[in-house]
Amino acid sequence: MTGQMLLWKGLGSWRAEVSARYVGAHRGFVGDLTVDAAGCVLTYPDLAQRVSP
């Protein structure tokens, strides 16, 4: 799980962002989201420091 990228294909950027915020909130992440040009790839920059076993 450490350093894992959250990846959505075939979703609009809005749905992907909402999904990532939901997943992040319920896993205790606080990092900002990063969205690529296509709006379908989101990552938590500080995921490695925040993930719990």
PDB file of N, CA and C in Angstrom:
ATOM      1  N   MET A   1       0.829  -1.198   0.000  1.00  0.00           N
ATOM      2  CA  MET A   1       0.000   0.000   0.000  1.00  0.00           C
ATOM      3  C   MET A   1       0.867   1.252   0.000  1.00  0.00           C
ATOM      4  N   THR A   2       2.049   1.164   0.562  1.00  0.00           N
ATOM      5  CA  THR A   2       2.915   2.331   0.678  1.00  0.00           C
ATOM      6  C   THR A   2       3.277   2.891  -0.690  1.00  0.00           C
ATOM      7  N   GLY A   3       3.034   4.178  -0.896  1.00  0.00           N
ATOM      8  CA  GLY A   3       3.379   4.829  -2.146  1.00  0.00           C
ATOM      9  C   GLY A   3       2.461   4.484  -3.304  1.00  0.00           C
ATOM     10  N   GLN A   4       1.376   3.793  -3.019  1.00  0.00           N
ATOM     11  CA  GLN A   4       0.472   3.379  -4.087  1.00  0.00           C
ATOM     12  C   GLN A   4      -0.235   4.569  -4.723  1.00  0.00           C
ATOM     13  N   MET A   5      -0.414   4.512  -6.031  1.00  0.00           N
ATOM     14  CA  MET A   5      -1.136   5.550  -6.753  1.00  0.00           C
ATOM     15  C   MET A   5      -2.595   5.141  -6.904  1.00  0.00           C
ATOM     16  N   LEU A   6      -3.484   6.077  -6.649  1.00  0.00           N
ATOM     17  CA  LEU A   6      -4.902   5.820  -6.868  1.00  0.00           C
ATOM     18  C   LEU A   6      -5.221   6.187  -8.307  1.00  0.00           C
ATOM     19  N   LEU A   7      -5.689   5.228  -9.079  1.00  0.00           N
ATOM     20  CA  LEU A   7      -5.866   5.429 -10.516  1.00  0.00           C
ATOM     21  C   LEU A   7      -7.286   5.098 -10.947  1.00  0.00           C
ATOM     22  N   TRP A   8      -7.900   6.038 -11.624  1.00  0.00           N
ATOM     23  CA  TRP A   8      -9.218   5.807 -12.198  1.00  0.00           C
ATOM     24  C   TRP A   8      -9.115   5.943 -13.704  1.00  0.00           C
ATOM     25  N   LYS A   9      -9.724   5.030 -14.442  1.00  0.00           N
ATOM     26  CA  LYS A   9      -9.787   5.152 -15.898  1.00  0.00           C
ATOM     27  C   LYS A   9     -11.253   5.206 -16.303  1.00  0.00           C
ATOM     28  N   GLY A  10     -11.550   6.078 -17.256  1.00  0.00           N
ATOM     29  CA  GLY A  10     -12.909   6.177 -17.760  1.00  0.00           C
ATOM     30  C   GLY A  10     -13.831   7.013 -16.902  1.00  0.00           C
ATOM     31  N   LEU A  11     -13.286   7.695 -15.885  1.00  0.00           N
ATOM     32  CA  LEU A  11     -14.103   8.573 -15.063  1.00  0.00           C
ATOM     33  C   LEU A  11     -13.737  10.016 -15.343  1.00  0.00           C
ATOM     34  N   GLY A  12     -14.705  10.908 -15.195  1.00  0.00           N
ATOM     35  CA  GLY A  12     -14.418  12.335 -15.313  1.00  0.00           C
ATOM     36  C   GLY A  12     -13.592  12.788 -14.128  1.00  0.00           C
ATOM     37  N   SER A  13     -12.899  13.897 -14.288  1.00  0.00           N
ATOM     38  CA  SER A  13     -12.029  14.381 -13.215  1.00  0.00           C
ATOM     39  C   SER A  13     -12.823  14.667 -11.947  1.00  0.00           C
ATOM     40  N   TRP A  14     -14.060  15.140 -12.083  1.00  0.00           N
ATOM     41  CA  TRP A  14     -14.863  15.460 -10.902  1.00  0.00           C
ATOM     42  C   TRP A  14     -15.158  14.201 -10.100  1.00  0.00           C
ATOM     43  N   ARG A  15     -15.609  13.143 -10.766  1.00  0.00           N
ATOM     44  CA  ARG A  15     -15.914  11.890 -10.063  1.00  0.00           C
ATOM     45  C   ARG A  15     -14.655  11.292  -9.459  1.00  0.00           C
ATOM     46  N   ALA A  16     -13.556  11.340 -10.206  1.00  0.00           N
ATOM     47  CA  ALA A  16     -12.300  10.791  -9.698  1.00  0.00           C
ATOM     48  C   ALA A  16     -11.842  11.554  -8.463  1.00  0.00           C
ATOM     49  N   GLU A  17     -11.970  12.880  -8.504  1.00  0.00           N
ATOM     50  CA  GLU A  17     -11.532  13.688  -7.366  1.00  0.00           C
ATOM     51  C   GLU A  17     -12.386  13.394  -6.142  1.00  0.00           C
ATOM     52  N   VAL A  18     -13.698  13.321  -6.332  1.00  0.00           N
ATOM     53  CA  VAL A  18     -14.598  13.022  -5.220  1.00  0.00           C
ATOM     54  C   VAL A  18     -14.280  11.644  -4.641  1.00  0.00           C
ATOM     55  N   SER A  19     -14.051  10.665  -5.510  1.00  0.00           N
ATOM     56  CA  SER A  19     -13.727   9.317  -5.046  1.00  0.00           C
ATOM     57  C   SER A  19     -12.433   9.318  -4.243  1.00  0.00           C
ATOM     58  N   ALA A  20     -11.426  10.034  -4.740  1.00  0.00           N
ATOM     59  CA  ALA A  20     -10.141  10.074  -4.053  1.00  0.00           C
ATOM     60  C   ALA A  20     -10.275  10.764  -2.699  1.00  0.00           C
ATOM     61  N   ARG A  21     -11.069  11.832  -2.640  1.00  0.00           N
ATOM     62  CA  ARG A  21     -11.267  12.529  -1.376  1.00  0.00           C
ATOM     63  C   ARG A  21     -11.984  11.609  -0.386  1.00  0.00           C
ATOM     64  N   TYR A  22     -12.954  10.843  -0.859  1.00  0.00           N
ATOM     65  CA  TYR A  22     -13.686   9.916   0.005  1.00  0.00           C
ATOM     66  C   TYR A  22     -12.751   8.844   0.547  1.00  0.00           C
ATOM     67  N   VAL A  23     -11.986   8.228  -0.343  1.00  0.00           N
ATOM     68  CA  VAL A  23     -11.049   7.181   0.067  1.00  0.00           C
ATOM     69  C   VAL A  23     -10.024   7.749   1.036  1.00  0.00           C
ATOM     70  N   GLY A  24      -9.474   8.922   0.697  1.00  0.00           N
ATOM     71  CA  GLY A  24      -8.468   9.542   1.553  1.00  0.00           C
ATOM     72  C   GLY A  24      -9.016   9.863   2.928  1.00  0.00           C
ATOM     73  N   ALA A  25     -10.207  10.429   2.974  1.00  0.00           N
ATOM     74  CA  ALA A  25     -10.801  10.819   4.249  1.00  0.00           C
ATOM     75  C   ALA A  25     -11.025   9.597   5.138  1.00  0.00           C
ATOM     76  N   HIS A  26     -11.453   8.500   4.535  1.00  0.00           N
ATOM     77  CA  HIS A  26     -11.771   7.323   5.319  1.00  0.00           C
ATOM     78  C   HIS A  26     -10.551   6.461   5.623  1.00  0.00           C
ATOM     79  N   ARG A  27      -9.397   6.821   5.061  1.00  0.00           N
ATOM     80  CA  ARG A  27      -8.160   6.115   5.405  1.00  0.00           C
ATOM     81  C   ARG A  27      -7.235   7.006   6.233  1.00  0.00           C
ATOM     82  N   GLY A  28      -7.681   8.212   6.551  1.00  0.00           N
ATOM     83  CA  GLY A  28      -6.904   9.072   7.428  1.00  0.00           C
ATOM     84  C   GLY A  28      -5.807   9.871   6.754  1.00  0.00           C
ATOM     85  N   PHE A  29      -5.847   9.997   5.423  1.00  0.00           N
ATOM     86  CA  PHE A  29      -4.826  10.770   4.730  1.00  0.00           C
ATOM     87  C   PHE A  29      -5.171  12.252   4.757  1.00  0.00           C
ATOM     88  N   VAL A  30      -4.137  13.093   4.782  1.00  0.00           N
ATOM     89  CA  VAL A  30      -4.354  14.530   4.844  1.00  0.00           C
ATOM     90  C   VAL A  30      -3.677  15.233   3.670  1.00  0.00           C
ATOM     91  N   GLY A  31      -2.903  14.504   2.897  1.00  0.00           N
ATOM     92  CA  GLY A  31      -2.154  15.111   1.796  1.00  0.00           C
ATOM     93  C   GLY A  31      -3.058  15.657   0.712  1.00  0.00           C
ATOM     94  N   ASP A  32      -2.526  16.603  -0.052  1.00  0.00           N
ATOM     95  CA  ASP A  32      -3.274  17.166  -1.169  1.00  0.00           C
ATOM     96  C   ASP A  32      -3.370  16.152  -2.301  1.00  0.00           C
ATOM     97  N   LEU A  33      -4.383  16.332  -3.135  1.00  0.00           N
ATOM     98  CA  LEU A  33      -4.544  15.476  -4.302  1.00  0.00           C
ATOM     99  C   LEU A  33      -3.791  16.065  -5.482  1.00  0.00           C
ATOM    100  N   THR A  34      -3.260  15.191  -6.322  1.00  0.00           N
ATOM    101  CA  THR A  34      -2.611  15.629  -7.549  1.00  0.00           C
ATOM    102  C   THR A  34      -3.344  14.986  -8.724  1.00  0.00           C
ATOM    103  N   VAL A  35      -3.767  15.812  -9.669  1.00  0.00           N
ATOM    104  CA  VAL A  35      -4.505  15.311 -10.825  1.00  0.00           C
ATOM    105  C   VAL A  35      -3.702  15.594 -12.086  1.00  0.00           C
ATOM    106  N   ASP A  36      -3.560  14.591 -12.942  1.00  0.00           N
ATOM    107  CA  ASP A  36      -2.804  14.802 -14.174  1.00  0.00           C
ATOM    108  C   ASP A  36      -3.649  15.538 -15.209  1.00  0.00           C
ATOM    109  N   ALA A  37      -3.074  15.783 -16.381  1.00  0.00           N
ATOM    110  CA  ALA A  37      -3.741  16.566 -17.418  1.00  0.00           C
ATOM    111  C   ALA A  37      -5.066  15.940 -17.847  1.00  0.00           C
ATOM    112  N   ALA A  38      -5.128  14.604 -17.824  1.00  0.00           N
ATOM    113  CA  ALA A  38      -6.348  13.914 -18.236  1.00  0.00           C
ATOM    114  C   ALA A  38      -7.401  13.933 -17.130  1.00  0.00           C
ATOM    115  N   GLY A  39      -6.994  14.296 -15.921  1.00  0.00           N
ATOM    116  CA  GLY A  39      -7.934  14.363 -14.807  1.00  0.00           C
ATOM    117  C   GLY A  39      -8.335  12.997 -14.278  1.00  0.00           C
ATOM    118  N   CYS A  40      -7.514  11.972 -14.510  1.00  0.00           N
ATOM    119  CA  CYS A  40      -7.915  10.628 -14.093  1.00  0.00           C
ATOM    120  C   CYS A  40      -6.886   9.945 -13.196  1.00  0.00           C
ATOM    121  N   VAL A  41      -5.799  10.617 -12.874  1.00  0.00           N
ATOM    122  CA  VAL A  41      -4.803  10.025 -11.985  1.00  0.00           C
ATOM    123  C   VAL A  41      -4.649  10.919 -10.768  1.00  0.00           C
ATOM    124  N   LEU A  42      -4.816  10.343  -9.585  1.00  0.00           N
ATOM    125  CA  LEU A  42      -4.714  11.113  -8.358  1.00  0.00           C
ATOM    126  C   LEU A  42      -3.760  10.412  -7.404  1.00  0.00           C
ATOM    127  N   THR A  43      -2.930  11.185  -6.743  1.00  0.00           N
ATOM    128  CA  THR A  43      -1.988  10.600  -5.792  1.00  0.00           C
ATOM    129  C   THR A  43      -1.957  11.422  -4.513  1.00  0.00           C
ATOM    130  N   TYR A  44      -1.546  10.764  -3.450  1.00  0.00           N
ATOM    131  CA  TYR A  44      -1.297  11.462  -2.196  1.00  0.00           C
ATOM    132  C   TYR A  44       0.214  11.603  -2.050  1.00  0.00           C
ATOM    133  N   PRO A  45       0.746  12.815  -2.183  1.00  0.00           N
ATOM    134  CA  PRO A  45       2.206  13.015  -2.173  1.00  0.00           C
ATOM    135  C   PRO A  45       2.884  12.473  -0.915  1.00  0.00           C
ATOM    136  N   ASP A  46       2.203  12.544   0.215  1.00  0.00           N
ATOM    137  CA  ASP A  46       2.822  12.107   1.464  1.00  0.00           C
ATOM    138  C   ASP A  46       2.240  10.784   1.951  1.00  0.00           C
ATOM    139  N   LEU A  47       1.729   9.981   1.037  1.00  0.00           N
ATOM    140  CA  LEU A  47       1.103   8.711   1.396  1.00  0.00           C
ATOM    141  C   LEU A  47       2.065   7.812   2.175  1.00  0.00           C
ATOM    142  N   ALA A  48       3.311   7.771   1.741  1.00  0.00           N
ATOM    143  CA  ALA A  48       4.277   6.863   2.360  1.00  0.00           C
ATOM    144  C   ALA A  48       4.478   7.155   3.841  1.00  0.00           C
ATOM    145  N   GLN A  49       4.374   8.433   4.229  1.00  0.00           N
ATOM    146  CA  GLN A  49       4.566   8.766   5.629  1.00  0.00           C
ATOM    147  C   GLN A  49       3.305   8.558   6.457  1.00  0.00           C
ATOM    148  N   ARG A  50       2.144   8.437   5.810  1.00  0.00           N
ATOM    149  CA  ARG A  50       0.892   8.421   6.552  1.00  0.00           C
ATOM    150  C   ARG A  50       0.208   7.055   6.585  1.00  0.00           C
ATOM    151  N   VAL A  51       0.596   6.167   5.678  1.00  0.00           N
ATOM    152  CA  VAL A  51      -0.077   4.875   5.611  1.00  0.00           C
ATOM    153  C   VAL A  51       0.225   4.048   6.864  1.00  0.00           C
ATOM    154  N   SER A  52      -0.789   3.344   7.340  1.00  0.00           N
ATOM    155  CA  SER A  52      -0.589   2.483   8.505  1.00  0.00           C
ATOM    156  C   SER A  52      -0.731   1.023   8.093  1.00  0.00           C
ATOM    157  N   PRO A  53      -0.020   0.119   8.741  1.00  0.00           N
ATOM    158  CA  PRO A  53      -0.024  -1.298   8.358  1.00  0.00           C
ATOM    159  C   PRO A  53      -1.397  -1.955   8.509  1.00  0.00           C
TER     160      PRO A  53
END
